[in-house]
Amino acid sequence: MVSAVITSSATPSPMAEKAIDRQEDTRDVITRAGVAINPADIEKVFSKQAHMEAQVIGIPSPILGQEPFVVIRELEAPFNSSMRLRNMVSAQLGDAYELGAVLTLGQLGLDDWPMDSPGKISKAHLRACVRGYLQRSPDPFDSKVRWGYF
C-alpha cells in the first residue's frame, strides 16, 4: 500500500481569510433581549459617523442577557456627550442596539487601550475594567442600578 502526504505552502485564499474574519466577528456576538448584536456593526457606526475608534463589549445583565457597552478614547465634539453617541447608534441601527453606556478610557482608569500579546486591543481586559467601573459607580441612575447588575 502506498500513501502520499500532500503538503502545501500556499497562502490561504481570500475566501478562507474572509471566513476567518467572519468567525472572529461572530465569536463576540452580544445577545441582548434575544437579539444577536454584532459588535463590529456598532464599531463601524462610531468610525463612520463620529470618526472615533470604539470597542464594544458585552456585559451580563440579569434582565437582558447581555448589554453592549462602548469604550472610546475620549468624548469629542460634536459628540461630546455619551447620550448623543447612544442616540446616534439607535438612529443608525435601531432600538435593539440600545447601548448600556458609552465610557471613556479615563473613566475606566486607563491611559491607553490595553493590548494583549499579539498586539490587539484586549477586550477581556476592557470587560474587566467596565465591570469594575460598574461596581464602584456612585451614580444611582447608572445602568448597573437600572438593570440590577450588582
N, C-alpha and C. Protein backbone atom coordinates (compact mmCIF):
# COMPACT_ATOMS: atom_id res chain seq x y z
N MET A 1 0.86 -1.17 0.00
CA MET A 1 0.00 0.00 0.00
C MET A 1 0.90 1.23 0.00
N VAL A 2 0.56 2.18 -0.82
CA VAL A 2 1.34 3.40 -0.95
C VAL A 2 0.51 4.55 -0.40
N SER A 3 1.13 5.35 0.43
CA SER A 3 0.43 6.53 0.93
C SER A 3 1.24 7.76 0.56
N ALA A 4 0.54 8.80 0.35
CA ALA A 4 1.19 10.05 -0.03
C ALA A 4 0.81 11.13 0.97
N VAL A 5 1.75 11.96 1.24
CA VAL A 5 1.49 13.11 2.10
C VAL A 5 1.55 14.33 1.21
N ILE A 6 0.49 15.07 1.23
CA ILE A 6 0.43 16.28 0.42
C ILE A 6 0.67 17.46 1.32
N THR A 7 1.63 18.23 0.97
CA THR A 7 1.90 19.44 1.74
C THR A 7 1.68 20.63 0.84
N SER A 8 1.32 21.71 1.44
CA SER A 8 1.07 22.92 0.67
C SER A 8 1.69 24.09 1.39
N SER A 9 2.39 24.87 0.63
CA SER A 9 2.95 26.08 1.22
C SER A 9 2.19 27.31 0.74
N ALA A 10 1.05 27.07 0.12
CA ALA A 10 0.25 28.17 -0.41
C ALA A 10 -0.37 28.96 0.73
N THR A 11 -0.54 30.23 0.50
CA THR A 11 -1.20 31.08 1.49
C THR A 11 -2.70 30.86 1.39
N PRO A 12 -3.45 31.13 2.47
CA PRO A 12 -4.89 30.95 2.42
C PRO A 12 -5.52 31.82 1.35
N SER A 13 -6.57 31.30 0.76
CA SER A 13 -7.28 32.06 -0.27
C SER A 13 -8.01 33.24 0.37
N PRO A 14 -8.35 34.24 -0.43
CA PRO A 14 -9.12 35.37 0.13
C PRO A 14 -10.44 34.92 0.73
N MET A 15 -11.06 33.88 0.15
CA MET A 15 -12.32 33.36 0.69
C MET A 15 -12.09 32.79 2.09
N ALA A 16 -10.99 32.06 2.27
CA ALA A 16 -10.67 31.48 3.58
C ALA A 16 -10.40 32.58 4.59
N GLU A 17 -9.70 33.64 4.18
CA GLU A 17 -9.42 34.74 5.09
C GLU A 17 -10.71 35.43 5.52
N LYS A 18 -11.66 35.62 4.58
CA LYS A 18 -12.94 36.23 4.93
C LYS A 18 -13.72 35.36 5.91
N ALA A 19 -13.65 34.04 5.71
CA ALA A 19 -14.33 33.11 6.62
C ALA A 19 -13.75 33.23 8.02
N ILE A 20 -12.44 33.37 8.13
CA ILE A 20 -11.79 33.53 9.44
C ILE A 20 -12.22 34.84 10.07
N ASP A 21 -12.27 35.94 9.27
CA ASP A 21 -12.71 37.23 9.80
C ASP A 21 -14.14 37.14 10.32
N ARG A 22 -15.04 36.48 9.56
CA ARG A 22 -16.43 36.34 10.00
C ARG A 22 -16.50 35.54 11.28
N GLN A 23 -15.67 34.49 11.39
CA GLN A 23 -15.66 33.67 12.59
C GLN A 23 -15.25 34.50 13.80
N GLU A 24 -14.23 35.35 13.64
CA GLU A 24 -13.80 36.20 14.75
C GLU A 24 -14.90 37.19 15.12
N ASP A 25 -15.61 37.75 14.11
CA ASP A 25 -16.69 38.68 14.39
C ASP A 25 -17.82 38.01 15.16
N THR A 26 -18.21 36.79 14.77
CA THR A 26 -19.34 36.14 15.41
C THR A 26 -18.99 35.61 16.79
N ARG A 27 -17.73 35.43 17.07
CA ARG A 27 -17.31 34.93 18.38
C ARG A 27 -17.70 35.92 19.48
N ASP A 28 -17.75 37.20 19.17
CA ASP A 28 -18.03 38.23 20.17
C ASP A 28 -19.48 38.71 20.14
N VAL A 29 -20.37 37.98 19.48
CA VAL A 29 -21.76 38.41 19.37
C VAL A 29 -22.37 38.58 20.75
N ILE A 30 -23.11 39.68 20.90
CA ILE A 30 -23.79 40.02 22.15
C ILE A 30 -25.27 39.70 21.95
N THR A 31 -25.86 38.98 22.87
CA THR A 31 -27.28 38.67 22.77
C THR A 31 -28.02 39.52 23.79
N ARG A 32 -28.74 40.52 23.28
CA ARG A 32 -29.48 41.46 24.13
C ARG A 32 -30.96 41.22 23.91
N ALA A 33 -31.65 40.78 24.93
CA ALA A 33 -33.09 40.53 24.86
C ALA A 33 -33.43 39.61 23.68
N GLY A 34 -32.59 38.61 23.45
CA GLY A 34 -32.82 37.64 22.39
C GLY A 34 -32.38 38.07 21.01
N VAL A 35 -31.87 39.28 20.87
CA VAL A 35 -31.40 39.79 19.58
C VAL A 35 -29.88 39.69 19.52
N ALA A 36 -29.38 39.07 18.46
CA ALA A 36 -27.93 38.94 18.27
C ALA A 36 -27.38 40.26 17.74
N ILE A 37 -26.42 40.82 18.46
CA ILE A 37 -25.80 42.09 18.09
C ILE A 37 -24.33 41.84 17.80
N ASN A 38 -23.90 42.19 16.60
CA ASN A 38 -22.50 42.06 16.24
C ASN A 38 -21.79 43.35 16.65
N PRO A 39 -20.82 43.28 17.56
CA PRO A 39 -20.12 44.50 18.00
C PRO A 39 -19.50 45.28 16.83
N ALA A 40 -19.09 44.59 15.78
CA ALA A 40 -18.48 45.27 14.64
C ALA A 40 -19.45 46.26 13.99
N ASP A 41 -20.77 45.98 14.04
CA ASP A 41 -21.75 46.90 13.47
C ASP A 41 -21.74 48.23 14.23
N ILE A 42 -21.69 48.16 15.55
CA ILE A 42 -21.66 49.37 16.38
C ILE A 42 -20.33 50.10 16.19
N GLU A 43 -19.24 49.34 16.16
CA GLU A 43 -17.92 49.95 15.97
C GLU A 43 -17.84 50.69 14.64
N LYS A 44 -18.48 50.15 13.59
CA LYS A 44 -18.49 50.83 12.28
C LYS A 44 -19.27 52.14 12.34
N VAL A 45 -20.38 52.17 13.08
CA VAL A 45 -21.15 53.41 13.22
C VAL A 45 -20.28 54.47 13.90
N PHE A 46 -19.59 54.10 14.94
CA PHE A 46 -18.71 55.06 15.62
C PHE A 46 -17.62 55.55 14.68
N SER A 47 -17.07 54.67 13.89
CA SER A 47 -15.99 55.03 12.97
C SER A 47 -16.49 55.96 11.87
N LYS A 48 -17.62 55.61 11.25
CA LYS A 48 -18.11 56.37 10.10
C LYS A 48 -18.85 57.64 10.48
N GLN A 49 -19.67 57.59 11.53
CA GLN A 49 -20.49 58.73 11.90
C GLN A 49 -19.78 59.72 12.83
N ALA A 50 -19.06 59.19 13.82
CA ALA A 50 -18.44 60.06 14.83
C ALA A 50 -16.93 60.16 14.64
N HIS A 51 -16.38 59.39 13.71
CA HIS A 51 -14.93 59.38 13.45
C HIS A 51 -14.15 59.07 14.72
N MET A 52 -14.62 58.05 15.46
CA MET A 52 -13.99 57.64 16.71
C MET A 52 -13.69 56.15 16.66
N GLU A 53 -12.56 55.78 17.24
CA GLU A 53 -12.29 54.37 17.44
C GLU A 53 -13.07 53.93 18.67
N ALA A 54 -13.78 52.83 18.54
CA ALA A 54 -14.60 52.32 19.63
C ALA A 54 -14.42 50.82 19.76
N GLN A 55 -14.53 50.33 20.97
CA GLN A 55 -14.53 48.90 21.25
C GLN A 55 -15.83 48.58 21.96
N VAL A 56 -16.53 47.57 21.46
CA VAL A 56 -17.82 47.18 22.02
C VAL A 56 -17.67 45.84 22.71
N ILE A 57 -18.16 45.78 23.94
CA ILE A 57 -18.10 44.54 24.71
C ILE A 57 -19.47 44.26 25.31
N GLY A 58 -19.74 43.00 25.54
CA GLY A 58 -20.98 42.60 26.18
C GLY A 58 -20.78 42.43 27.67
N ILE A 59 -21.69 43.01 28.44
CA ILE A 59 -21.67 42.89 29.90
C ILE A 59 -22.95 42.15 30.31
N PRO A 60 -22.83 41.12 31.13
CA PRO A 60 -24.02 40.36 31.54
C PRO A 60 -25.06 41.24 32.23
N SER A 61 -26.32 40.96 31.91
CA SER A 61 -27.45 41.65 32.53
C SER A 61 -28.47 40.60 32.94
N PRO A 62 -28.95 40.66 34.18
CA PRO A 62 -29.92 39.65 34.61
C PRO A 62 -31.26 39.76 33.89
N ILE A 63 -31.55 40.90 33.31
CA ILE A 63 -32.82 41.09 32.62
C ILE A 63 -32.68 40.88 31.12
N LEU A 64 -31.63 41.45 30.52
CA LEU A 64 -31.48 41.43 29.07
C LEU A 64 -30.59 40.30 28.54
N GLY A 65 -29.91 39.60 29.40
CA GLY A 65 -28.94 38.60 28.96
C GLY A 65 -27.56 39.22 28.91
N GLN A 66 -27.37 40.13 27.98
CA GLN A 66 -26.16 40.94 27.87
C GLN A 66 -26.56 42.32 27.39
N GLU A 67 -25.68 43.26 27.64
CA GLU A 67 -25.92 44.63 27.18
C GLU A 67 -24.62 45.15 26.56
N PRO A 68 -24.71 45.77 25.38
CA PRO A 68 -23.49 46.30 24.75
C PRO A 68 -23.02 47.58 25.42
N PHE A 69 -21.75 47.61 25.78
CA PHE A 69 -21.10 48.79 26.32
C PHE A 69 -20.02 49.20 25.34
N VAL A 70 -19.86 50.49 25.13
CA VAL A 70 -18.86 51.01 24.20
C VAL A 70 -17.79 51.74 25.00
N VAL A 71 -16.54 51.48 24.63
CA VAL A 71 -15.41 52.19 25.23
C VAL A 71 -14.74 52.99 24.12
N ILE A 72 -14.55 54.28 24.38
CA ILE A 72 -13.87 55.17 23.43
C ILE A 72 -12.70 55.84 24.14
N ARG A 73 -11.83 56.44 23.35
CA ARG A 73 -10.67 57.12 23.94
C ARG A 73 -11.14 58.33 24.76
N GLU A 74 -11.92 59.21 24.14
CA GLU A 74 -12.46 60.38 24.84
C GLU A 74 -13.63 60.94 24.05
N LEU A 75 -14.47 61.71 24.71
CA LEU A 75 -15.58 62.38 24.03
C LEU A 75 -15.04 63.54 23.22
N GLU A 76 -15.52 63.66 21.99
CA GLU A 76 -15.05 64.73 21.10
C GLU A 76 -16.25 65.42 20.48
N ALA A 77 -16.14 66.74 20.26
CA ALA A 77 -17.20 67.49 19.61
C ALA A 77 -17.36 66.98 18.18
N PRO A 78 -18.54 66.95 17.63
CA PRO A 78 -19.82 67.37 18.20
C PRO A 78 -20.47 66.31 19.08
N PHE A 79 -19.86 65.16 19.19
CA PHE A 79 -20.41 64.08 20.02
C PHE A 79 -19.77 64.15 21.40
N ASN A 80 -20.05 65.25 22.11
CA ASN A 80 -19.39 65.48 23.40
C ASN A 80 -20.22 65.00 24.58
N SER A 81 -21.19 64.14 24.32
CA SER A 81 -21.92 63.52 25.42
C SER A 81 -22.22 62.07 25.04
N SER A 82 -22.22 61.22 26.05
CA SER A 82 -22.49 59.81 25.78
C SER A 82 -23.92 59.62 25.28
N MET A 83 -24.86 60.48 25.70
CA MET A 83 -26.24 60.37 25.24
C MET A 83 -26.33 60.60 23.73
N ARG A 84 -25.60 61.58 23.22
CA ARG A 84 -25.60 61.82 21.77
C ARG A 84 -25.09 60.59 21.01
N LEU A 85 -24.05 59.97 21.55
CA LEU A 85 -23.49 58.78 20.89
C LEU A 85 -24.47 57.62 20.97
N ARG A 86 -25.13 57.46 22.10
CA ARG A 86 -26.12 56.39 22.23
C ARG A 86 -27.27 56.61 21.25
N ASN A 87 -27.73 57.86 21.14
CA ASN A 87 -28.81 58.18 20.20
C ASN A 87 -28.37 57.94 18.76
N MET A 88 -27.12 58.25 18.45
CA MET A 88 -26.59 58.04 17.10
C MET A 88 -26.67 56.56 16.72
N VAL A 89 -26.28 55.69 17.65
CA VAL A 89 -26.32 54.24 17.37
C VAL A 89 -27.76 53.77 17.18
N SER A 90 -28.66 54.19 18.06
CA SER A 90 -30.07 53.79 17.92
C SER A 90 -30.67 54.29 16.61
N ALA A 91 -30.31 55.52 16.20
CA ALA A 91 -30.83 56.06 14.95
C ALA A 91 -30.31 55.29 13.74
N GLN A 92 -29.07 54.85 13.79
CA GLN A 92 -28.47 54.13 12.66
C GLN A 92 -28.85 52.66 12.61
N LEU A 93 -28.93 52.01 13.78
CA LEU A 93 -29.10 50.56 13.81
C LEU A 93 -30.43 50.08 14.39
N GLY A 94 -31.16 50.98 15.05
CA GLY A 94 -32.46 50.60 15.62
C GLY A 94 -32.39 50.44 17.13
N ASP A 95 -33.57 50.39 17.73
CA ASP A 95 -33.68 50.33 19.19
C ASP A 95 -33.12 49.05 19.79
N ALA A 96 -33.06 47.98 19.02
CA ALA A 96 -32.49 46.72 19.53
C ALA A 96 -31.02 46.88 19.89
N TYR A 97 -30.37 47.91 19.32
CA TYR A 97 -28.95 48.15 19.57
C TYR A 97 -28.72 49.19 20.67
N GLU A 98 -29.71 49.41 21.53
CA GLU A 98 -29.54 50.38 22.61
C GLU A 98 -28.34 49.99 23.47
N LEU A 99 -27.50 50.98 23.74
CA LEU A 99 -26.26 50.73 24.48
C LEU A 99 -26.48 50.86 25.98
N GLY A 100 -25.74 50.05 26.74
CA GLY A 100 -25.77 50.19 28.19
C GLY A 100 -25.13 51.49 28.61
N ALA A 101 -24.00 51.81 28.00
CA ALA A 101 -23.29 53.06 28.29
C ALA A 101 -22.17 53.24 27.28
N VAL A 102 -21.73 54.49 27.17
CA VAL A 102 -20.52 54.82 26.43
C VAL A 102 -19.55 55.36 27.47
N LEU A 103 -18.42 54.68 27.62
CA LEU A 103 -17.44 55.05 28.63
C LEU A 103 -16.12 55.41 27.96
N THR A 104 -15.37 56.29 28.60
CA THR A 104 -14.06 56.67 28.08
C THR A 104 -12.97 55.87 28.81
N LEU A 105 -11.81 55.82 28.18
CA LEU A 105 -10.68 55.15 28.83
C LEU A 105 -10.39 55.77 30.19
N GLY A 106 -10.50 57.10 30.27
CA GLY A 106 -10.25 57.80 31.53
C GLY A 106 -11.21 57.36 32.64
N GLN A 107 -12.48 57.18 32.31
CA GLN A 107 -13.45 56.72 33.30
C GLN A 107 -13.09 55.34 33.84
N LEU A 108 -12.43 54.55 33.01
CA LEU A 108 -12.03 53.20 33.41
C LEU A 108 -10.67 53.17 34.07
N GLY A 109 -10.04 54.34 34.21
CA GLY A 109 -8.72 54.42 34.83
C GLY A 109 -7.58 54.00 33.90
N LEU A 110 -7.83 54.09 32.60
CA LEU A 110 -6.82 53.69 31.61
C LEU A 110 -6.30 54.91 30.86
N ASP A 111 -5.02 54.91 30.53
CA ASP A 111 -4.43 55.97 29.71
C ASP A 111 -4.47 55.62 28.23
N ASP A 112 -4.46 54.33 27.92
CA ASP A 112 -4.42 53.88 26.54
C ASP A 112 -5.14 52.54 26.46
N TRP A 113 -5.37 52.07 25.22
CA TRP A 113 -6.02 50.80 25.01
C TRP A 113 -5.16 49.68 25.60
N PRO A 114 -5.75 48.76 26.36
CA PRO A 114 -4.98 47.60 26.85
C PRO A 114 -4.72 46.63 25.69
N MET A 115 -3.50 46.17 25.57
CA MET A 115 -3.14 45.29 24.46
C MET A 115 -2.82 43.90 24.98
N ASP A 116 -3.12 42.89 24.15
CA ASP A 116 -2.71 41.53 24.50
C ASP A 116 -1.41 41.20 23.77
N SER A 117 -0.93 39.99 23.93
CA SER A 117 0.39 39.64 23.40
C SER A 117 0.52 39.78 21.88
N PRO A 118 -0.50 39.47 21.06
CA PRO A 118 -0.30 39.68 19.62
C PRO A 118 -0.43 41.16 19.20
N GLY A 119 -0.60 42.05 20.14
CA GLY A 119 -0.71 43.47 19.81
C GLY A 119 -2.10 43.92 19.43
N LYS A 120 -3.13 43.16 19.81
CA LYS A 120 -4.51 43.55 19.56
C LYS A 120 -5.11 44.12 20.85
N ILE A 121 -6.12 44.96 20.70
CA ILE A 121 -6.79 45.50 21.88
C ILE A 121 -7.45 44.35 22.64
N SER A 122 -7.22 44.30 23.94
CA SER A 122 -7.72 43.21 24.77
C SER A 122 -9.14 43.53 25.25
N LYS A 123 -10.12 42.90 24.61
CA LYS A 123 -11.50 43.10 25.04
C LYS A 123 -11.76 42.47 26.40
N ALA A 124 -11.03 41.41 26.72
CA ALA A 124 -11.19 40.79 28.04
C ALA A 124 -10.78 41.77 29.14
N HIS A 125 -9.69 42.50 28.92
CA HIS A 125 -9.26 43.49 29.92
C HIS A 125 -10.25 44.65 29.99
N LEU A 126 -10.75 45.10 28.84
CA LEU A 126 -11.75 46.17 28.84
C LEU A 126 -13.01 45.72 29.58
N ARG A 127 -13.44 44.47 29.35
CA ARG A 127 -14.63 43.94 30.02
C ARG A 127 -14.43 43.97 31.54
N ALA A 128 -13.26 43.56 32.01
CA ALA A 128 -12.98 43.57 33.44
C ALA A 128 -12.99 45.00 33.98
N CYS A 129 -12.45 45.94 33.22
CA CYS A 129 -12.44 47.36 33.65
C CYS A 129 -13.86 47.92 33.72
N VAL A 130 -14.71 47.59 32.75
CA VAL A 130 -16.09 48.07 32.76
C VAL A 130 -16.83 47.48 33.96
N ARG A 131 -16.64 46.21 34.21
CA ARG A 131 -17.31 45.60 35.38
C ARG A 131 -16.85 46.26 36.67
N GLY A 132 -15.55 46.55 36.78
CA GLY A 132 -15.04 47.25 37.95
C GLY A 132 -15.64 48.64 38.08
N TYR A 133 -15.77 49.35 36.96
CA TYR A 133 -16.38 50.68 36.95
C TYR A 133 -17.83 50.59 37.44
N LEU A 134 -18.58 49.61 36.95
CA LEU A 134 -19.98 49.48 37.34
C LEU A 134 -20.11 49.16 38.83
N GLN A 135 -19.18 48.40 39.37
CA GLN A 135 -19.23 48.06 40.80
C GLN A 135 -18.99 49.27 41.69
N ARG A 136 -18.14 50.19 41.24
CA ARG A 136 -17.79 51.32 42.11
C ARG A 136 -18.51 52.62 41.74
N SER A 137 -19.33 52.62 40.71
CA SER A 137 -20.00 53.83 40.26
C SER A 137 -21.05 54.29 41.28
N PRO A 138 -20.95 55.55 41.74
CA PRO A 138 -21.90 56.06 42.73
C PRO A 138 -23.19 56.58 42.12
N ASP A 139 -23.27 56.66 40.79
CA ASP A 139 -24.43 57.25 40.13
C ASP A 139 -25.65 56.34 40.28
N PRO A 140 -26.70 56.81 40.97
CA PRO A 140 -27.87 55.96 41.17
C PRO A 140 -28.66 55.70 39.89
N PHE A 141 -28.41 56.48 38.84
CA PHE A 141 -29.12 56.29 37.59
C PHE A 141 -28.29 55.52 36.57
N ASP A 142 -27.16 54.98 37.01
CA ASP A 142 -26.28 54.22 36.15
C ASP A 142 -26.98 52.93 35.71
N SER A 143 -26.52 52.36 34.61
CA SER A 143 -27.10 51.13 34.09
C SER A 143 -27.10 50.01 35.11
N LYS A 144 -26.07 49.95 35.96
CA LYS A 144 -26.00 48.85 36.93
C LYS A 144 -27.20 48.87 37.88
N VAL A 145 -27.70 50.06 38.21
CA VAL A 145 -28.85 50.15 39.10
C VAL A 145 -30.13 49.88 38.32
N ARG A 146 -30.22 50.47 37.12
CA ARG A 146 -31.42 50.26 36.29
C ARG A 146 -31.67 48.79 36.03
N TRP A 147 -30.61 48.07 35.72
CA TRP A 147 -30.77 46.68 35.30
C TRP A 147 -30.32 45.68 36.36
N GLY A 148 -29.97 46.13 37.55
CA GLY A 148 -29.63 45.23 38.65
C GLY A 148 -28.38 44.41 38.44
N TYR A 149 -27.33 45.04 37.90
CA TYR A 149 -26.10 44.30 37.64
C TYR A 149 -25.47 43.75 38.90
N PHE A 150 -25.39 44.57 39.95
CA PHE A 150 -24.65 44.14 41.13
C PHE A 150 -25.45 44.39 42.38
